[in-house]
Structure formats: C-alpha cells, structure tokens
Amino acid sequence: MSHFEKYRAELKEQGLGSKEDLTRLVQPLLRNTTRIAVQSPMRPREDAQLRSHFGGTPYFEKGESWPVSENGAPLDFIFRW
C-alpha cells in the first residue's frame, strides 16, 4: 500500500472522503496573505554614476582629488564597485 493509499484510508476513517469534507477541515486554518510581485531589477543608465564598471571614467564628487601612490604618482583606475 502506497503512502497515498494509507493517507486516503486515514481520511476515510475520519469521515473525510469528499472535497467538501476536506474544505471544511482546512477552511479554519486559512489566513489572508500578502502577495509579493517580484519584478526584474532595474539597471542604471549607461552613463549613471552608480554603475559598476572596469576601466573608463571614474566618478568623483566636487573637490575630490585623484589618489596617488606613496611617491606621489597617480594611481591607475581599474574598476568602480
């Protein structure tokens, strides 16, 4: 006897043979829910300051200066996270 058949036999013993019987059994357990709709992520515009990228032009705030090494040579821009 499969587990499905065993479960059906248990339900029949409890007098729960029809769909309506099962609905009455489950109905008190149901609660309102909130549905969350997952949407595709938005990508920043190609020229957006917040976009991560390798190479190209870095983003600086007004008044910031380019970082330099210990000997004062400008560092290379590799990527922006």
PDB file of N, CA and C in Angstrom:
ATOM      1  N   MET A   1       0.855  -1.183   0.000  1.00  0.00           N
ATOM      2  CA  MET A   1       0.000   0.000   0.000  1.00  0.00           C
ATOM      3  C   MET A   1       0.903   1.248   0.000  1.00  0.00           C
ATOM      4  N   SER A   2       0.671   2.153  -0.945  1.00  0.00           N
ATOM      5  CA  SER A   2       1.480   3.372  -1.022  1.00  0.00           C
ATOM      6  C   SER A   2       1.085   4.346   0.089  1.00  0.00           C
ATOM      7  N   HIS A   3       1.936   5.337   0.314  1.00  0.00           N
ATOM      8  CA  HIS A   3       1.607   6.325   1.352  1.00  0.00           C
ATOM      9  C   HIS A   3       0.357   7.124   0.989  1.00  0.00           C
ATOM     10  N   PHE A   4       0.080   7.295  -0.307  1.00  0.00           N
ATOM     11  CA  PHE A   4      -1.142   7.983  -0.723  1.00  0.00           C
ATOM     12  C   PHE A   4      -2.377   7.173  -0.331  1.00  0.00           C
ATOM     13  N   GLU A   5      -2.299   5.868  -0.581  1.00  0.00           N
ATOM     14  CA  GLU A   5      -3.421   4.991  -0.236  1.00  0.00           C
ATOM     15  C   GLU A   5      -3.643   4.962   1.277  1.00  0.00           C
ATOM     16  N   LYS A   6      -2.546   4.937   2.047  1.00  0.00           N
ATOM     17  CA  LYS A   6      -2.657   4.962   3.510  1.00  0.00           C
ATOM     18  C   LYS A   6      -3.322   6.265   3.971  1.00  0.00           C
ATOM     19  N   TYR A   7      -2.905   7.366   3.358  1.00  0.00           N
ATOM     20  CA  TYR A   7      -3.484   8.669   3.724  1.00  0.00           C
ATOM     21  C   TYR A   7      -4.966   8.722   3.382  1.00  0.00           C
ATOM     22  N   ARG A   8      -5.337   8.201   2.217  1.00  0.00           N
ATOM     23  CA  ARG A   8      -6.759   8.169   1.829  1.00  0.00           C
ATOM     24  C   ARG A   8      -7.569   7.321   2.807  1.00  0.00           C
ATOM     25  N   ALA A   9      -6.996   6.200   3.239  1.00  0.00           N
ATOM     26  CA  ALA A   9      -7.696   5.338   4.194  1.00  0.00           C
ATOM     27  C   ALA A   9      -7.889   6.049   5.533  1.00  0.00           C
ATOM     28  N   GLU A  10      -6.856   6.794   5.994  1.00  0.00           N
ATOM     29  CA  GLU A  10      -6.966   7.554   7.247  1.00  0.00           C
ATOM     30  C   GLU A  10      -8.059   8.617   7.143  1.00  0.00           C
ATOM     31  N   LEU A  11      -8.110   9.309   6.004  1.00  0.00           N
ATOM     32  CA  LEU A  11      -9.136  10.334   5.808  1.00  0.00           C
ATOM     33  C   LEU A  11     -10.533   9.710   5.803  1.00  0.00           C
ATOM     34  N   LYS A  12     -10.651   8.555   5.160  1.00  0.00           N
ATOM     35  CA  LYS A  12     -11.955   7.883   5.093  1.00  0.00           C
ATOM     36  C   LYS A  12     -12.408   7.453   6.489  1.00  0.00           C
ATOM     37  N   GLU A  13     -11.481   6.983   7.322  1.00  0.00           N
ATOM     38  CA  GLU A  13     -11.806   6.593   8.701  1.00  0.00           C
ATOM     39  C   GLU A  13     -12.328   7.779   9.509  1.00  0.00           C
ATOM     40  N   GLN A  14     -11.818   8.974   9.186  1.00  0.00           N
ATOM     41  CA  GLN A  14     -12.228  10.191   9.893  1.00  0.00           C
ATOM     42  C   GLN A  14     -13.468  10.817   9.274  1.00  0.00           C
ATOM     43  N   GLY A  15     -14.027  10.173   8.252  1.00  0.00           N
ATOM     44  CA  GLY A  15     -15.222  10.698   7.608  1.00  0.00           C
ATOM     45  C   GLY A  15     -14.922  11.866   6.686  1.00  0.00           C
ATOM     46  N   LEU A  16     -13.719  11.893   6.145  1.00  0.00           N
ATOM     47  CA  LEU A  16     -13.302  12.984   5.260  1.00  0.00           C
ATOM     48  C   LEU A  16     -13.022  12.426   3.868  1.00  0.00           C
ATOM     49  N   GLY A  17     -14.056  11.998   3.198  1.00  0.00           N
ATOM     50  CA  GLY A  17     -13.884  11.362   1.898  1.00  0.00           C
ATOM     51  C   GLY A  17     -14.083  12.281   0.709  1.00  0.00           C
ATOM     52  N   SER A  18     -14.810  13.380   0.887  1.00  0.00           N
ATOM     53  CA  SER A  18     -15.102  14.248  -0.254  1.00  0.00           C
ATOM     54  C   SER A  18     -14.279  15.535  -0.200  1.00  0.00           C
ATOM     55  N   LYS A  19     -14.301  16.235  -1.298  1.00  0.00           N
ATOM     56  CA  LYS A  19     -13.608  17.523  -1.379  1.00  0.00           C
ATOM     57  C   LYS A  19     -14.222  18.514  -0.392  1.00  0.00           C
ATOM     58  N   GLU A  20     -15.531  18.499  -0.254  1.00  0.00           N
ATOM     59  CA  GLU A  20     -16.216  19.404   0.671  1.00  0.00           C
ATOM     60  C   GLU A  20     -15.809  19.123   2.116  1.00  0.00           C
ATOM     61  N   ASP A  21     -15.633  17.838   2.465  1.00  0.00           N
ATOM     62  CA  ASP A  21     -15.174  17.476   3.805  1.00  0.00           C
ATOM     63  C   ASP A  21     -13.790  18.064   4.082  1.00  0.00           C
ATOM     64  N   LEU A  22     -12.913  17.922   3.112  1.00  0.00           N
ATOM     65  CA  LEU A  22     -11.556  18.451   3.274  1.00  0.00           C
ATOM     66  C   LEU A  22     -11.552  19.977   3.339  1.00  0.00           C
ATOM     67  N   THR A  23     -12.424  20.603   2.554  1.00  0.00           N
ATOM     68  CA  THR A  23     -12.529  22.064   2.584  1.00  0.00           C
ATOM     69  C   THR A  23     -12.961  22.534   3.963  1.00  0.00           C
ATOM     70  N   ARG A  24     -13.954  21.877   4.558  1.00  0.00           N
ATOM     71  CA  ARG A  24     -14.401  22.237   5.915  1.00  0.00           C
ATOM     72  C   ARG A  24     -13.286  22.033   6.945  1.00  0.00           C
ATOM     73  N   LEU A  25     -12.456  21.023   6.736  1.00  0.00           N
ATOM     74  CA  LEU A  25     -11.348  20.750   7.647  1.00  0.00           C
ATOM     75  C   LEU A  25     -10.270  21.831   7.561  1.00  0.00           C
ATOM     76  N   VAL A  26      -9.981  22.273   6.346  1.00  0.00           N
ATOM     77  CA  VAL A  26      -8.880  23.221   6.113  1.00  0.00           C
ATOM     78  C   VAL A  26      -9.310  24.679   6.269  1.00  0.00           C
ATOM     79  N   GLN A  27     -10.548  24.998   5.992  1.00  0.00           N
ATOM     80  CA  GLN A  27     -11.042  26.388   5.977  1.00  0.00           C
ATOM     81  C   GLN A  27     -10.656  27.189   7.231  1.00  0.00           C
ATOM     82  N   PRO A  28     -10.789  26.653   8.443  1.00  0.00           N
ATOM     83  CA  PRO A  28     -10.430  27.443   9.628  1.00  0.00           C
ATOM     84  C   PRO A  28      -8.936  27.773   9.719  1.00  0.00           C
ATOM     85  N   LEU A  29      -8.117  27.056   8.983  1.00  0.00           N
ATOM     86  CA  LEU A  29      -6.672  27.281   9.034  1.00  0.00           C
ATOM     87  C   LEU A  29      -6.198  28.357   8.065  1.00  0.00           C
ATOM     88  N   LEU A  30      -7.052  28.746   7.116  1.00  0.00           N
ATOM     89  CA  LEU A  30      -6.668  29.720   6.097  1.00  0.00           C
ATOM     90  C   LEU A  30      -6.611  31.130   6.670  1.00  0.00           C
ATOM     91  N   ARG A  31      -5.638  31.887   6.248  1.00  0.00           N
ATOM     92  CA  ARG A  31      -5.465  33.281   6.667  1.00  0.00           C
ATOM     93  C   ARG A  31      -5.231  34.148   5.437  1.00  0.00           C
ATOM     94  N   ASN A  32      -5.531  35.440   5.576  1.00  0.00           N
ATOM     95  CA  ASN A  32      -5.237  36.372   4.489  1.00  0.00           C
ATOM     96  C   ASN A  32      -3.728  36.471   4.305  1.00  0.00           C
ATOM     97  N   THR A  33      -3.320  36.661   3.094  1.00  0.00           N
ATOM     98  CA  THR A  33      -1.896  36.771   2.792  1.00  0.00           C
ATOM     99  C   THR A  33      -1.615  38.022   1.984  1.00  0.00           C
ATOM    100  N   THR A  34      -0.355  38.356   1.894  1.00  0.00           N
ATOM    101  CA  THR A  34       0.105  39.440   1.039  1.00  0.00           C
ATOM    102  C   THR A  34       0.898  38.821  -0.094  1.00  0.00           C
ATOM    103  N   ARG A  35       0.556  39.177  -1.291  1.00  0.00           N
ATOM    104  CA  ARG A  35       1.285  38.655  -2.447  1.00  0.00           C
ATOM    105  C   ARG A  35       2.391  39.634  -2.805  1.00  0.00           C
ATOM    106  N   ILE A  36       3.575  39.117  -2.951  1.00  0.00           N
ATOM    107  CA  ILE A  36       4.720  39.936  -3.347  1.00  0.00           C
ATOM    108  C   ILE A  36       5.010  39.637  -4.807  1.00  0.00           C
ATOM    109  N   ALA A  37       4.952  40.670  -5.610  1.00  0.00           N
ATOM    110  CA  ALA A  37       5.231  40.512  -7.037  1.00  0.00           C
ATOM    111  C   ALA A  37       6.687  40.894  -7.280  1.00  0.00           C
ATOM    112  N   VAL A  38       7.503  39.925  -7.647  1.00  0.00           N
ATOM    113  CA  VAL A  38       8.918  40.173  -7.907  1.00  0.00           C
ATOM    114  C   VAL A  38       9.063  40.675  -9.330  1.00  0.00           C
ATOM    115  N   GLN A  39       9.718  41.810  -9.462  1.00  0.00           N
ATOM    116  CA  GLN A  39       9.928  42.391 -10.783  1.00  0.00           C
ATOM    117  C   GLN A  39      11.394  42.272 -11.155  1.00  0.00           C
ATOM    118  N   SER A  40      11.664  42.366 -12.430  1.00  0.00           N
ATOM    119  CA  SER A  40      13.046  42.340 -12.894  1.00  0.00           C
ATOM    120  C   SER A  40      13.790  43.545 -12.333  1.00  0.00           C
ATOM    121  N   PRO A  41      15.066  43.385 -11.984  1.00  0.00           N
ATOM    122  CA  PRO A  41      15.811  44.513 -11.432  1.00  0.00           C
ATOM    123  C   PRO A  41      15.987  45.599 -12.489  1.00  0.00           C
ATOM    124  N   MET A  42      16.014  46.834 -12.013  1.00  0.00           N
ATOM    125  CA  MET A  42      16.252  47.959 -12.923  1.00  0.00           C
ATOM    126  C   MET A  42      17.756  48.156 -13.060  1.00  0.00           C
ATOM    127  N   ARG A  43      18.199  48.376 -14.253  1.00  0.00           N
ATOM    128  CA  ARG A  43      19.621  48.655 -14.483  1.00  0.00           C
ATOM    129  C   ARG A  43      19.818  50.161 -14.549  1.00  0.00           C
ATOM    130  N   PRO A  44      20.903  50.653 -13.940  1.00  0.00           N
ATOM    131  CA  PRO A  44      21.183  52.083 -14.055  1.00  0.00           C
ATOM    132  C   PRO A  44      21.491  52.440 -15.515  1.00  0.00           C
ATOM    133  N   ARG A  45      21.240  53.688 -15.859  1.00  0.00           N
ATOM    134  CA  ARG A  45      21.577  54.150 -17.212  1.00  0.00           C
ATOM    135  C   ARG A  45      23.058  53.907 -17.478  1.00  0.00           C
ATOM    136  N   GLU A  46      23.405  53.794 -18.726  1.00  0.00           N
ATOM    137  CA  GLU A  46      24.795  53.536 -19.116  1.00  0.00           C
ATOM    138  C   GLU A  46      25.739  54.605 -18.583  1.00  0.00           C
ATOM    139  N   ASP A  47      25.270  55.847 -18.497  1.00  0.00           N
ATOM    140  CA  ASP A  47      26.130  56.943 -18.024  1.00  0.00           C
ATOM    141  C   ASP A  47      25.920  57.250 -16.537  1.00  0.00           C
ATOM    142  N   ALA A  48      25.218  56.381 -15.810  1.00  0.00           N
ATOM    143  CA  ALA A  48      24.920  56.625 -14.399  1.00  0.00           C
ATOM    144  C   ALA A  48      26.190  56.554 -13.554  1.00  0.00           C
ATOM    145  N   GLN A  49      26.246  57.389 -12.538  1.00  0.00           N
ATOM    146  CA  GLN A  49      27.401  57.421 -11.654  1.00  0.00           C
ATOM    147  C   GLN A  49      27.481  56.164 -10.792  1.00  0.00           C
ATOM    148  N   LEU A  50      26.350  55.517 -10.565  1.00  0.00           N
ATOM    149  CA  LEU A  50      26.305  54.378  -9.662  1.00  0.00           C
ATOM    150  C   LEU A  50      26.612  53.053 -10.334  1.00  0.00           C
ATOM    151  N   ARG A  51      26.822  53.050 -11.603  1.00  0.00           N
ATOM    152  CA  ARG A  51      27.041  51.809 -12.343  1.00  0.00           C
ATOM    153  C   ARG A  51      28.465  51.301 -12.110  1.00  0.00           C
ATOM    154  N   SER A  52      28.594  50.015 -11.752  1.00  0.00           N
ATOM    155  CA  SER A  52      29.907  49.403 -11.596  1.00  0.00           C
ATOM    156  C   SER A  52      30.505  49.183 -12.976  1.00  0.00           C
ATOM    157  N   HIS A  53      31.810  49.348 -13.080  1.00  0.00           N
ATOM    158  CA  HIS A  53      32.441  49.137 -14.375  1.00  0.00           C
ATOM    159  C   HIS A  53      33.954  48.986 -14.213  1.00  0.00           C
ATOM    160  N   PHE A  54      34.558  48.376 -15.228  1.00  0.00           N
ATOM    161  CA  PHE A  54      36.010  48.258 -15.312  1.00  0.00           C
ATOM    162  C   PHE A  54      36.505  49.304 -16.290  1.00  0.00           C
ATOM    163  N   GLY A  55      37.574  49.980 -15.936  1.00  0.00           N
ATOM    164  CA  GLY A  55      38.149  50.984 -16.823  1.00  0.00           C
ATOM    165  C   GLY A  55      37.201  52.149 -17.035  1.00  0.00           C
ATOM    166  N   GLY A  56      37.496  52.948 -18.004  1.00  0.00           N
ATOM    167  CA  GLY A  56      36.638  54.092 -18.318  1.00  0.00           C
ATOM    168  C   GLY A  56      36.881  55.261 -17.379  1.00  0.00           C
ATOM    169  N   THR A  57      35.869  56.084 -17.214  1.00  0.00           N
ATOM    170  CA  THR A  57      35.982  57.297 -16.410  1.00  0.00           C
ATOM    171  C   THR A  57      35.437  57.058 -15.011  1.00  0.00           C
ATOM    172  N   PRO A  58      36.227  57.355 -13.982  1.00  0.00           N
ATOM    173  CA  PRO A  58      35.729  57.192 -12.613  1.00  0.00           C
ATOM    174  C   PRO A  58      34.813  58.337 -12.216  1.00  0.00           C
ATOM    175  N   TYR A  59      34.075  58.155 -11.139  1.00  0.00           N
ATOM    176  CA  TYR A  59      33.192  59.193 -10.613  1.00  0.00           C
ATOM    177  C   TYR A  59      33.852  59.861  -9.412  1.00  0.00           C
ATOM    178  N   PHE A  60      33.822  61.176  -9.399  1.00  0.00           N
ATOM    179  CA  PHE A  60      34.341  61.947  -8.278  1.00  0.00           C
ATOM    180  C   PHE A  60      33.334  63.003  -7.869  1.00  0.00           C
ATOM    181  N   GLU A  61      33.260  63.276  -6.586  1.00  0.00           N
ATOM    182  CA  GLU A  61      32.481  64.404  -6.084  1.00  0.00           C
ATOM    183  C   GLU A  61      33.308  65.669  -6.259  1.00  0.00           C
ATOM    184  N   LYS A  62      32.648  66.792  -6.292  1.00  0.00           N
ATOM    185  CA  LYS A  62      33.332  68.071  -6.432  1.00  0.00           C
ATOM    186  C   LYS A  62      34.315  68.252  -5.271  1.00  0.00           C
ATOM    187  N   GLY A  63      35.557  68.629  -5.588  1.00  0.00           N
ATOM    188  CA  GLY A  63      36.564  68.859  -4.563  1.00  0.00           C
ATOM    189  C   GLY A  63      37.419  67.642  -4.249  1.00  0.00           C
ATOM    190  N   GLU A  64      37.060  66.466  -4.739  1.00  0.00           N
ATOM    191  CA  GLU A  64      37.885  65.277  -4.516  1.00  0.00           C
ATOM    192  C   GLU A  64      39.057  65.275  -5.485  1.00  0.00           C
ATOM    193  N   SER A  65      40.143  64.668  -5.065  1.00  0.00           N
ATOM    194  CA  SER A  65      41.311  64.603  -5.953  1.00  0.00           C
ATOM    195  C   SER A  65      41.644  63.150  -6.254  1.00  0.00           C
ATOM    196  N   TRP A  66      42.367  62.948  -7.344  1.00  0.00           N
ATOM    197  CA  TRP A  66      42.746  61.603  -7.763  1.00  0.00           C
ATOM    198  C   TRP A  66      43.745  61.032  -6.772  1.00  0.00           C
ATOM    199  N   PRO A  67      43.569  59.742  -6.358  1.00  0.00           N
ATOM    200  CA  PRO A  67      44.506  59.142  -5.402  1.00  0.00           C
ATOM    201  C   PRO A  67      45.899  58.954  -6.011  1.00  0.00           C
ATOM    202  N   VAL A  68      46.892  59.057  -5.160  1.00  0.00           N
ATOM    203  CA  VAL A  68      48.285  58.923  -5.601  1.00  0.00           C
ATOM    204  C   VAL A  68      48.996  57.880  -4.739  1.00  0.00           C
ATOM    205  N   SER A  69      50.104  57.366  -5.253  1.00  0.00           N
ATOM    206  CA  SER A  69      50.898  56.384  -4.517  1.00  0.00           C
ATOM    207  C   SER A  69      51.745  57.097  -3.462  1.00  0.00           C
ATOM    208  N   GLU A  70      52.520  56.322  -2.695  1.00  0.00           N
ATOM    209  CA  GLU A  70      53.374  56.900  -1.657  1.00  0.00           C
ATOM    210  C   GLU A  70      54.397  57.879  -2.220  1.00  0.00           C
ATOM    211  N   ASN A  71      54.815  57.643  -3.481  1.00  0.00           N
ATOM    212  CA  ASN A  71      55.797  58.558  -4.084  1.00  0.00           C
ATOM    213  C   ASN A  71      55.140  59.676  -4.889  1.00  0.00           C
ATOM    214  N   GLY A  72      53.812  59.781  -4.817  1.00  0.00           N
ATOM    215  CA  GLY A  72      53.094  60.882  -5.456  1.00  0.00           C
ATOM    216  C   GLY A  72      52.633  60.622  -6.874  1.00  0.00           C
ATOM    217  N   ALA A  73      52.880  59.435  -7.418  1.00  0.00           N
ATOM    218  CA  ALA A  73      52.446  59.117  -8.783  1.00  0.00           C
ATOM    219  C   ALA A  73      50.952  58.785  -8.771  1.00  0.00           C
ATOM    220  N   PRO A  74      50.184  59.283  -9.772  1.00  0.00           N
ATOM    221  CA  PRO A  74      48.748  58.979  -9.820  1.00  0.00           C
ATOM    222  C   PRO A  74      48.509  57.475  -9.999  1.00  0.00           C
ATOM    223  N   LEU A  75      47.526  56.953  -9.267  1.00  0.00           N
ATOM    224  CA  LEU A  75      47.173  55.541  -9.377  1.00  0.00           C
ATOM    225  C   LEU A  75      46.341  55.302 -10.631  1.00  0.00           C
ATOM    226  N   ASP A  76      46.420  54.067 -11.162  1.00  0.00           N
ATOM    227  CA  ASP A  76      45.618  53.699 -12.331  1.00  0.00           C
ATOM    228  C   ASP A  76      44.199  53.368 -11.880  1.00  0.00           C
ATOM    229  N   PHE A  77      43.217  53.736 -12.709  1.00  0.00           N
ATOM    230  CA  PHE A  77      41.831  53.378 -12.436  1.00  0.00           C
ATOM    231  C   PHE A  77      41.579  52.000 -13.016  1.00  0.00           C
ATOM    232  N   ILE A  78      41.142  51.061 -12.163  1.00  0.00           N
ATOM    233  CA  ILE A  78      40.896  49.697 -12.627  1.00  0.00           C
ATOM    234  C   ILE A  78      39.402  49.428 -12.701  1.00  0.00           C
ATOM    235  N   PHE A  79      38.686  49.612 -11.586  1.00  0.00           N
ATOM    236  CA  PHE A  79      37.238  49.381 -11.603  1.00  0.00           C
ATOM    237  C   PHE A  79      36.573  50.195 -10.522  1.00  0.00           C
ATOM    238  N   ARG A  80      35.272  50.330 -10.680  1.00  0.00           N
ATOM    239  CA  ARG A  80      34.446  51.026  -9.699  1.00  0.00           C
ATOM    240  C   ARG A  80      33.423  50.032  -9.224  1.00  0.00           C
ATOM    241  N   TRP A  81      33.294  49.888  -7.898  1.00  0.00           N
ATOM    242  CA  TRP A  81      32.339  48.942  -7.333  1.00  0.00           C
ATOM    243  C   TRP A  81      31.076  49.639  -6.951  1.00  0.00           C
TER     244      TRP A  81
END
